Amino acid sequence: MTAASDVVVMPLAALEAHRLDETWPWADDNRDVIAAHWHRLTGANPALFNGRVLIRRRQTLAEGRLSLGYVETDYASFIAFRDFGFPDPSSGNSFALAALRSSDDAFILGRMADHTANPGKVYFPAGTPDPDDVLADGTVDLAGSVLRELEEETGIRGDEVEATDRWVATFAGARTALMREVRAPLPADAIRARVRRFLARETRPELSDICLVRTPADIDAEAMPPFMQAYLRFALG
């Protein structure tokens, strides 16, 4: 597992992402193993859904410009790839997160609910890109994905925040987490209270609670993935 100290954090000058007209050989070659793993997972957690997602097949970085190429696959293949330790070195998981910050400069993070694939983990609103994020010209709209995930997980709409064009990438082995800075015009306590009310109304919320990070002392090394820890230390100076 990648440690937080091994994560590379880099502000980006530009970010572009496209869907590739290709298949994913690793998934095709390991279909039986993937199916068996999915059967075990859904036996323990029937709430898991085998929808369609995008897996990263190409990643290039030059002079602060990050370019990503994705192919479509099923969630069962993606989760097996993750759980098996990313055995295909030609592929990876590149996903976008809403780095939500309050008017009093606290970061707002969510704790994943027990029925999700990452129970108890704490990070920004995020999701694996999926075909709904692909525009007509083949562009993968990661900026739009951020706002969609923010609303789905917290109830906060895109028109209620200032979604900037500032991106910071964290490179953690096969994971590339892409943080889009999003500013809310309310103090942290008010945002947390509002989101908790939203979660209480949901039948099956993705989050179980909201966590605030104001200083490095608030970073939870047990619940926060290394890429989150590294980004927060970078952003908090």
C-alpha atoms as a PDB file:
ATOM      1  CA  MET A   1       0.000   0.000   0.000  1.00  0.00           C
ATOM      2  CA  THR A   2       1.212   3.499  -0.847  1.00  0.00           C
ATOM      3  CA  ALA A   3       2.042   5.592   2.230  1.00  0.00           C
ATOM      4  CA  ALA A   4       1.044   9.244   2.440  1.00  0.00           C
ATOM      5  CA  SER A   5       4.737  10.200   2.418  1.00  0.00           C
ATOM      6  CA  ASP A   6       5.120   8.485  -0.987  1.00  0.00           C
ATOM      7  CA  VAL A   7       2.284  10.396  -2.664  1.00  0.00           C
ATOM      8  CA  VAL A   8       3.305  13.083  -5.149  1.00  0.00           C
ATOM      9  CA  VAL A   9       1.108  16.204  -4.995  1.00  0.00           C
ATOM     10  CA  MET A  10       1.167  18.537  -7.983  1.00  0.00           C
ATOM     11  CA  PRO A  11      -0.930  21.566  -9.020  1.00  0.00           C
ATOM     12  CA  LEU A  12      -1.876  21.213 -12.685  1.00  0.00           C
ATOM     13  CA  ALA A  13      -1.577  23.803 -15.417  1.00  0.00           C
ATOM     14  CA  ALA A  14      -4.148  21.908 -17.508  1.00  0.00           C
ATOM     15  CA  LEU A  15      -6.209  18.726 -17.374  1.00  0.00           C
ATOM     16  CA  GLU A  16      -7.780  16.874 -20.290  1.00  0.00           C
ATOM     17  CA  ALA A  17      -9.444  13.478 -20.489  1.00  0.00           C
ATOM     18  CA  HIS A  18     -10.859  11.454 -23.368  1.00  0.00           C
ATOM     19  CA  ARG A  19     -12.640   8.163 -23.914  1.00  0.00           C
ATOM     20  CA  LEU A  20     -10.667   5.668 -26.002  1.00  0.00           C
ATOM     21  CA  ASP A  21     -12.264   3.337 -28.534  1.00  0.00           C
ATOM     22  CA  GLU A  22     -10.602   0.266 -27.050  1.00  0.00           C
ATOM     23  CA  THR A  23     -11.301  -2.660 -24.778  1.00  0.00           C
ATOM     24  CA  TRP A  24      -9.484  -3.540 -21.561  1.00  0.00           C
ATOM     25  CA  PRO A  25      -7.432  -6.721 -22.136  1.00  0.00           C
ATOM     26  CA  TRP A  26      -6.912  -7.411 -18.411  1.00  0.00           C
ATOM     27  CA  ALA A  27     -10.654  -7.593 -17.799  1.00  0.00           C
ATOM     28  CA  ASP A  28     -11.195  -9.783 -20.851  1.00  0.00           C
ATOM     29  CA  ASP A  29      -8.409 -12.184 -19.807  1.00  0.00           C
ATOM     30  CA  ASN A  30      -9.591 -12.497 -16.188  1.00  0.00           C
ATOM     31  CA  ARG A  31     -13.353 -12.715 -16.592  1.00  0.00           C
ATOM     32  CA  ASP A  32     -13.800 -15.896 -14.528  1.00  0.00           C
ATOM     33  CA  VAL A  33     -11.674 -14.621 -11.620  1.00  0.00           C
ATOM     34  CA  ILE A  34     -13.520 -11.303 -11.694  1.00  0.00           C
ATOM     35  CA  ALA A  35     -16.908 -13.030 -11.643  1.00  0.00           C
ATOM     36  CA  ALA A  36     -15.917 -15.184  -8.672  1.00  0.00           C
ATOM     37  CA  HIS A  37     -14.664 -12.150  -6.766  1.00  0.00           C
ATOM     38  CA  TRP A  38     -17.855 -10.229  -7.494  1.00  0.00           C
ATOM     39  CA  HIS A  39     -19.929 -13.180  -6.292  1.00  0.00           C
ATOM     40  CA  ARG A  40     -18.067 -13.129  -2.975  1.00  0.00           C
ATOM     41  CA  LEU A  41     -18.448  -9.370  -2.596  1.00  0.00           C
ATOM     42  CA  THR A  42     -22.170  -9.279  -3.327  1.00  0.00           C
ATOM     43  CA  GLY A  43     -22.724 -12.243  -1.027  1.00  0.00           C
ATOM     44  CA  ALA A  44     -21.393 -10.100   1.806  1.00  0.00           C
ATOM     45  CA  ASN A  45     -22.867  -6.828   0.539  1.00  0.00           C
ATOM     46  CA  PRO A  46     -25.915  -7.237  -1.740  1.00  0.00           C
ATOM     47  CA  ALA A  47     -26.167  -3.445  -2.142  1.00  0.00           C
ATOM     48  CA  LEU A  48     -23.242  -3.398  -4.574  1.00  0.00           C
ATOM     49  CA  PHE A  49     -24.271  -2.678  -8.177  1.00  0.00           C
ATOM     50  CA  ASN A  50     -22.382  -3.756 -11.273  1.00  0.00           C
ATOM     51  CA  GLY A  51     -22.782  -0.618 -13.358  1.00  0.00           C
ATOM     52  CA  ARG A  52     -20.530   0.761 -16.073  1.00  0.00           C
ATOM     53  CA  VAL A  53     -17.436   2.805 -15.208  1.00  0.00           C
ATOM     54  CA  LEU A  54     -14.307   4.176 -16.865  1.00  0.00           C
ATOM     55  CA  ILE A  55     -10.836   2.827 -16.172  1.00  0.00           C
ATOM     56  CA  ARG A  56      -7.716   4.793 -17.039  1.00  0.00           C
ATOM     57  CA  ARG A  57      -5.571   3.250 -19.758  1.00  0.00           C
ATOM     58  CA  ARG A  58      -3.305   6.175 -20.634  1.00  0.00           C
ATOM     59  CA  GLN A  59      -1.746   8.925 -18.547  1.00  0.00           C
ATOM     60  CA  THR A  60       0.823  11.468 -19.662  1.00  0.00           C
ATOM     61  CA  LEU A  61       2.200  14.464 -17.779  1.00  0.00           C
ATOM     62  CA  ALA A  62       4.274  17.181 -19.402  1.00  0.00           C
ATOM     63  CA  GLU A  63       4.986  20.675 -18.053  1.00  0.00           C
ATOM     64  CA  GLY A  64       2.086  20.429 -15.619  1.00  0.00           C
ATOM     65  CA  ARG A  65      -0.402  19.316 -18.283  1.00  0.00           C
ATOM     66  CA  LEU A  66      -2.073  15.995 -17.470  1.00  0.00           C
ATOM     67  CA  SER A  67      -3.739  13.988 -20.228  1.00  0.00           C
ATOM     68  CA  LEU A  68      -5.852  10.907 -19.474  1.00  0.00           C
ATOM     69  CA  GLY A  69      -7.371   8.223 -21.691  1.00  0.00           C
ATOM     70  CA  TYR A  70     -10.208   6.018 -20.425  1.00  0.00           C
ATOM     71  CA  VAL A  71     -11.976   2.863 -21.576  1.00  0.00           C
ATOM     72  CA  GLU A  72     -15.347   1.574 -20.423  1.00  0.00           C
ATOM     73  CA  THR A  73     -15.666  -1.509 -18.237  1.00  0.00           C
ATOM     74  CA  ASP A  74     -17.982  -2.929 -15.605  1.00  0.00           C
ATOM     75  CA  TYR A  75     -17.724  -2.143 -11.911  1.00  0.00           C
ATOM     76  CA  ALA A  76     -17.003  -5.776 -11.072  1.00  0.00           C
ATOM     77  CA  SER A  77     -13.813  -5.620 -13.148  1.00  0.00           C
ATOM     78  CA  PHE A  78     -12.817  -2.305 -11.649  1.00  0.00           C
ATOM     79  CA  ILE A  79     -13.302  -3.447  -8.058  1.00  0.00           C
ATOM     80  CA  ALA A  80     -11.425  -6.709  -8.681  1.00  0.00           C
ATOM     81  CA  PHE A  81      -8.565  -4.733 -10.217  1.00  0.00           C
ATOM     82  CA  ARG A  82      -8.476  -2.564  -7.099  1.00  0.00           C
ATOM     83  CA  ASP A  83      -8.821  -5.403  -4.621  1.00  0.00           C
ATOM     84  CA  PHE A  84      -6.142  -7.483  -6.347  1.00  0.00           C
ATOM     85  CA  GLY A  85      -3.643  -4.627  -5.963  1.00  0.00           C
ATOM     86  CA  PHE A  86      -3.830  -3.155  -9.501  1.00  0.00           C
ATOM     87  CA  PRO A  87      -2.100  -6.087 -11.237  1.00  0.00           C
ATOM     88  CA  ASP A  88      -2.244  -4.544 -14.719  1.00  0.00           C
ATOM     89  CA  PRO A  89       0.615  -1.986 -14.817  1.00  0.00           C
ATOM     90  CA  SER A  90      -0.756  -0.441 -18.015  1.00  0.00           C
ATOM     91  CA  SER A  91      -3.949   0.705 -16.295  1.00  0.00           C
ATOM     92  CA  GLY A  92      -5.018   2.654 -13.230  1.00  0.00           C
ATOM     93  CA  ASN A  93      -7.746   4.508 -11.394  1.00  0.00           C
ATOM     94  CA  SER A  94      -7.910   8.237 -12.147  1.00  0.00           C
ATOM     95  CA  PHE A  95     -10.874   9.948 -10.495  1.00  0.00           C
ATOM     96  CA  ALA A  96     -11.998  13.464  -9.586  1.00  0.00           C
ATOM     97  CA  LEU A  97     -12.999  14.841  -6.188  1.00  0.00           C
ATOM     98  CA  ALA A  98     -14.690  18.016  -4.956  1.00  0.00           C
ATOM     99  CA  ALA A  99     -12.150  19.639  -2.614  1.00  0.00           C
ATOM    100  CA  LEU A 100     -14.942  21.412  -0.750  1.00  0.00           C
ATOM    101  CA  ARG A 101     -13.865  24.281   1.491  1.00  0.00           C
ATOM    102  CA  SER A 102     -16.026  26.492   3.680  1.00  0.00           C
ATOM    103  CA  SER A 103     -16.020  30.263   4.028  1.00  0.00           C
ATOM    104  CA  ASP A 104     -13.992  29.868   7.235  1.00  0.00           C
ATOM    105  CA  ASP A 105     -11.402  27.722   5.412  1.00  0.00           C
ATOM    106  CA  ALA A 106     -12.249  24.273   6.743  1.00  0.00           C
ATOM    107  CA  PHE A 107     -12.293  21.306   4.391  1.00  0.00           C
ATOM    108  CA  ILE A 108     -15.529  19.286   4.260  1.00  0.00           C
ATOM    109  CA  LEU A 109     -15.168  15.514   3.879  1.00  0.00           C
ATOM    110  CA  GLY A 110     -17.620  12.636   3.968  1.00  0.00           C
ATOM    111  CA  ARG A 111     -17.446   9.301   5.766  1.00  0.00           C
ATOM    112  CA  MET A 112     -18.588   6.503   3.465  1.00  0.00           C
ATOM    113  CA  ALA A 113     -21.604   4.482   4.563  1.00  0.00           C
ATOM    114  CA  ASP A 114     -21.345   0.815   5.492  1.00  0.00           C
ATOM    115  CA  HIS A 115     -23.174  -0.391   2.370  1.00  0.00           C
ATOM    116  CA  THR A 116     -20.630   1.185  -0.017  1.00  0.00           C
ATOM    117  CA  ALA A 117     -17.440  -0.350  -1.433  1.00  0.00           C
ATOM    118  CA  ASN A 118     -15.323   1.818   0.911  1.00  0.00           C
ATOM    119  CA  PRO A 119     -17.117   1.660   4.268  1.00  0.00           C
ATOM    120  CA  GLY A 120     -15.813   4.042   6.914  1.00  0.00           C
ATOM    121  CA  LYS A 121     -13.295   5.738   4.635  1.00  0.00           C
ATOM    122  CA  VAL A 122     -13.181   9.539   4.743  1.00  0.00           C
ATOM    123  CA  TYR A 123     -12.552  11.706   1.699  1.00  0.00           C
ATOM    124  CA  PHE A 124     -14.078  14.424  -0.474  1.00  0.00           C
ATOM    125  CA  PRO A 125     -17.234  13.771  -2.519  1.00  0.00           C
ATOM    126  CA  ALA A 126     -15.989  11.682  -5.427  1.00  0.00           C
ATOM    127  CA  GLY A 127     -16.787   8.880  -7.811  1.00  0.00           C
ATOM    128  CA  THR A 128     -15.260   6.696 -10.461  1.00  0.00           C
ATOM    129  CA  PRO A 129     -15.919   8.312 -13.868  1.00  0.00           C
ATOM    130  CA  ASP A 130     -18.666   6.594 -15.832  1.00  0.00           C
ATOM    131  CA  PRO A 131     -20.187   6.782 -19.323  1.00  0.00           C
ATOM    132  CA  ASP A 132     -22.541   9.592 -18.243  1.00  0.00           C
ATOM    133  CA  ASP A 133     -19.443  11.787 -17.943  1.00  0.00           C
ATOM    134  CA  VAL A 134     -18.533  11.320 -21.623  1.00  0.00           C
ATOM    135  CA  LEU A 135     -19.526  14.217 -23.887  1.00  0.00           C
ATOM    136  CA  ALA A 136     -20.478  13.933 -27.563  1.00  0.00           C
ATOM    137  CA  ASP A 137     -16.915  14.615 -28.716  1.00  0.00           C
ATOM    138  CA  GLY A 138     -15.465  11.902 -26.476  1.00  0.00           C
ATOM    139  CA  THR A 139     -14.245  14.261 -23.757  1.00  0.00           C
ATOM    140  CA  VAL A 140     -14.568  12.869 -20.234  1.00  0.00           C
ATOM    141  CA  ASP A 141     -16.090  15.746 -18.272  1.00  0.00           C
ATOM    142  CA  LEU A 142     -14.252  15.391 -14.978  1.00  0.00           C
ATOM    143  CA  ALA A 143     -15.212  18.925 -13.928  1.00  0.00           C
ATOM    144  CA  GLY A 144     -18.874  18.069 -14.376  1.00  0.00           C
ATOM    145  CA  SER A 145     -18.378  14.741 -12.602  1.00  0.00           C
ATOM    146  CA  VAL A 146     -17.147  16.619  -9.539  1.00  0.00           C
ATOM    147  CA  LEU A 147     -20.320  18.694  -9.300  1.00  0.00           C
ATOM    148  CA  ARG A 148     -22.565  15.695  -9.943  1.00  0.00           C
ATOM    149  CA  GLU A 149     -20.934  13.692  -7.165  1.00  0.00           C
ATOM    150  CA  LEU A 150     -21.059  16.684  -4.827  1.00  0.00           C
ATOM    151  CA  GLU A 151     -24.822  17.007  -5.259  1.00  0.00           C
ATOM    152  CA  GLU A 152     -25.494  13.257  -5.112  1.00  0.00           C
ATOM    153  CA  GLU A 153     -23.534  12.762  -1.897  1.00  0.00           C
ATOM    154  CA  THR A 154     -24.251  16.015  -0.035  1.00  0.00           C
ATOM    155  CA  GLY A 155     -27.246  17.690  -1.663  1.00  0.00           C
ATOM    156  CA  ILE A 156     -25.126  20.783  -2.439  1.00  0.00           C
ATOM    157  CA  ARG A 157     -25.772  21.949  -6.013  1.00  0.00           C
ATOM    158  CA  GLY A 158     -23.160  23.300  -8.366  1.00  0.00           C
ATOM    159  CA  ASP A 159     -24.863  26.699  -8.501  1.00  0.00           C
ATOM    160  CA  GLU A 160     -24.468  27.008  -4.729  1.00  0.00           C
ATOM    161  CA  VAL A 161     -20.678  26.888  -4.782  1.00  0.00           C
ATOM    162  CA  GLU A 162     -17.764  28.472  -6.587  1.00  0.00           C
ATOM    163  CA  ALA A 163     -16.274  25.624  -8.591  1.00  0.00           C
ATOM    164  CA  THR A 164     -12.852  26.829  -9.657  1.00  0.00           C
ATOM    165  CA  ASP A 165     -10.668  25.643 -12.529  1.00  0.00           C
ATOM    166  CA  ARG A 166      -7.845  24.921 -10.096  1.00  0.00           C
ATOM    167  CA  TRP A 167      -6.858  21.256 -10.082  1.00  0.00           C
ATOM    168  CA  VAL A 168      -4.311  19.459  -7.922  1.00  0.00           C
ATOM    169  CA  ALA A 169      -3.277  15.907  -8.790  1.00  0.00           C
ATOM    170  CA  THR A 170      -2.099  13.376  -6.263  1.00  0.00           C
ATOM    171  CA  PHE A 171      -0.155  10.450  -7.721  1.00  0.00           C
ATOM    172  CA  ALA A 172      -0.286   7.394  -5.443  1.00  0.00           C
ATOM    173  CA  GLY A 173       0.831   4.309  -7.319  1.00  0.00           C
ATOM    174  CA  ALA A 174      -1.957   3.225  -9.678  1.00  0.00           C
ATOM    175  CA  ARG A 175      -4.290   5.883  -8.230  1.00  0.00           C
ATOM    176  CA  THR A 176      -4.405   9.430  -9.541  1.00  0.00           C
ATOM    177  CA  ALA A 177      -6.781  11.530  -7.448  1.00  0.00           C
ATOM    178  CA  LEU A 178      -7.734  14.848  -9.041  1.00  0.00           C
ATOM    179  CA  MET A 179      -8.859  17.524  -6.616  1.00  0.00           C
ATOM    180  CA  ARG A 180     -11.009  20.363  -7.981  1.00  0.00           C
ATOM    181  CA  GLU A 181     -11.192  23.238  -5.523  1.00  0.00           C
ATOM    182  CA  VAL A 182     -14.806  24.080  -4.665  1.00  0.00           C
ATOM    183  CA  ARG A 183     -15.703  26.967  -2.348  1.00  0.00           C
ATOM    184  CA  ALA A 184     -18.944  27.200  -0.376  1.00  0.00           C
ATOM    185  CA  PRO A 185     -20.211  30.574   0.962  1.00  0.00           C
ATOM    186  CA  LEU A 186     -21.122  29.158   4.399  1.00  0.00           C
ATOM    187  CA  PRO A 187     -19.052  28.367   7.500  1.00  0.00           C
ATOM    188  CA  ALA A 188     -18.099  24.739   8.096  1.00  0.00           C
ATOM    189  CA  ASP A 189     -20.513  24.079  10.954  1.00  0.00           C
ATOM    190  CA  ALA A 190     -23.449  25.313   8.883  1.00  0.00           C
ATOM    191  CA  ILE A 191     -22.437  23.135   5.924  1.00  0.00           C
ATOM    192  CA  ARG A 192     -22.077  20.073   8.132  1.00  0.00           C
ATOM    193  CA  ALA A 193     -25.502  20.669   9.691  1.00  0.00           C
ATOM    194  CA  ARG A 194     -27.121  21.117   6.291  1.00  0.00           C
ATOM    195  CA  VAL A 195     -25.548  17.973   4.823  1.00  0.00           C
ATOM    196  CA  ARG A 196     -26.507  15.930   7.886  1.00  0.00           C
ATOM    197  CA  ARG A 197     -30.131  17.005   7.348  1.00  0.00           C
ATOM    198  CA  PHE A 198     -29.851  15.931   3.719  1.00  0.00           C
ATOM    199  CA  LEU A 199     -28.421  12.542   4.703  1.00  0.00           C
ATOM    200  CA  ALA A 200     -31.201  12.004   7.229  1.00  0.00           C
ATOM    201  CA  ARG A 201     -33.793  12.445   4.453  1.00  0.00           C
ATOM    202  CA  GLU A 202     -32.109   9.973   2.090  1.00  0.00           C
ATOM    203  CA  THR A 203     -33.285   6.360   1.978  1.00  0.00           C
ATOM    204  CA  ARG A 204     -29.791   5.021   1.299  1.00  0.00           C
ATOM    205  CA  PRO A 205     -27.223   7.830   1.600  1.00  0.00           C
ATOM    206  CA  GLU A 206     -23.702   7.242   0.332  1.00  0.00           C
ATOM    207  CA  LEU A 207     -22.286   9.016   3.387  1.00  0.00           C
ATOM    208  CA  SER A 208     -22.797   8.216   7.049  1.00  0.00           C
ATOM    209  CA  ASP A 209     -21.442  11.511   8.374  1.00  0.00           C
ATOM    210  CA  ILE A 210     -19.503  14.704   7.604  1.00  0.00           C
ATOM    211  CA  CYS A 211     -15.995  15.391   8.909  1.00  0.00           C
ATOM    212  CA  LEU A 212     -14.222  18.747   9.131  1.00  0.00           C
ATOM    213  CA  VAL A 213     -10.503  19.338   8.689  1.00  0.00           C
ATOM    214  CA  ARG A 214      -9.236  22.714   9.835  1.00  0.00           C
ATOM    215  CA  THR A 215      -5.613  21.880  10.697  1.00  0.00           C
ATOM    216  CA  PRO A 216      -3.225  18.952  10.102  1.00  0.00           C
ATOM    217  CA  ALA A 217      -4.165  17.688  13.571  1.00  0.00           C
ATOM    218  CA  ASP A 218      -7.625  16.846  12.184  1.00  0.00           C
ATOM    219  CA  ILE A 219      -6.225  14.417   9.597  1.00  0.00           C
ATOM    220  CA  ASP A 220      -7.361  10.873  10.420  1.00  0.00           C
ATOM    221  CA  ALA A 221      -4.598   8.520   9.296  1.00  0.00           C
ATOM    222  CA  GLU A 222      -6.788   5.474   9.923  1.00  0.00           C
ATOM    223  CA  ALA A 223      -9.834   6.536   7.901  1.00  0.00           C
ATOM    224  CA  MET A 224      -8.342   8.810   5.235  1.00  0.00           C
ATOM    225  CA  PRO A 225      -6.557   7.206   2.271  1.00  0.00           C
ATOM    226  CA  PRO A 226      -2.921   8.255   1.751  1.00  0.00           C
ATOM    227  CA  PHE A 227      -3.805  10.485  -1.207  1.00  0.00           C
ATOM    228  CA  MET A 228      -6.253  12.424   0.993  1.00  0.00           C
ATOM    229  CA  GLN A 229      -3.734  12.838   3.783  1.00  0.00           C
ATOM    230  CA  ALA A 230      -1.083  14.066   1.366  1.00  0.00           C
ATOM    231  CA  TYR A 231      -3.420  16.559  -0.308  1.00  0.00           C
ATOM    232  CA  LEU A 232      -4.671  17.988   2.993  1.00  0.00           C
ATOM    233  CA  ARG A 233      -1.134  18.492   4.301  1.00  0.00           C
ATOM    234  CA  PHE A 234      -0.247  20.221   1.033  1.00  0.00           C
ATOM    235  CA  ALA A 235      -3.339  22.448   1.029  1.00  0.00           C
ATOM    236  CA  LEU A 236      -3.071  23.348   4.695  1.00  0.00           C
ATOM    237  CA  GLY A 237       0.559  24.372   4.259  1.00  0.00           C
END
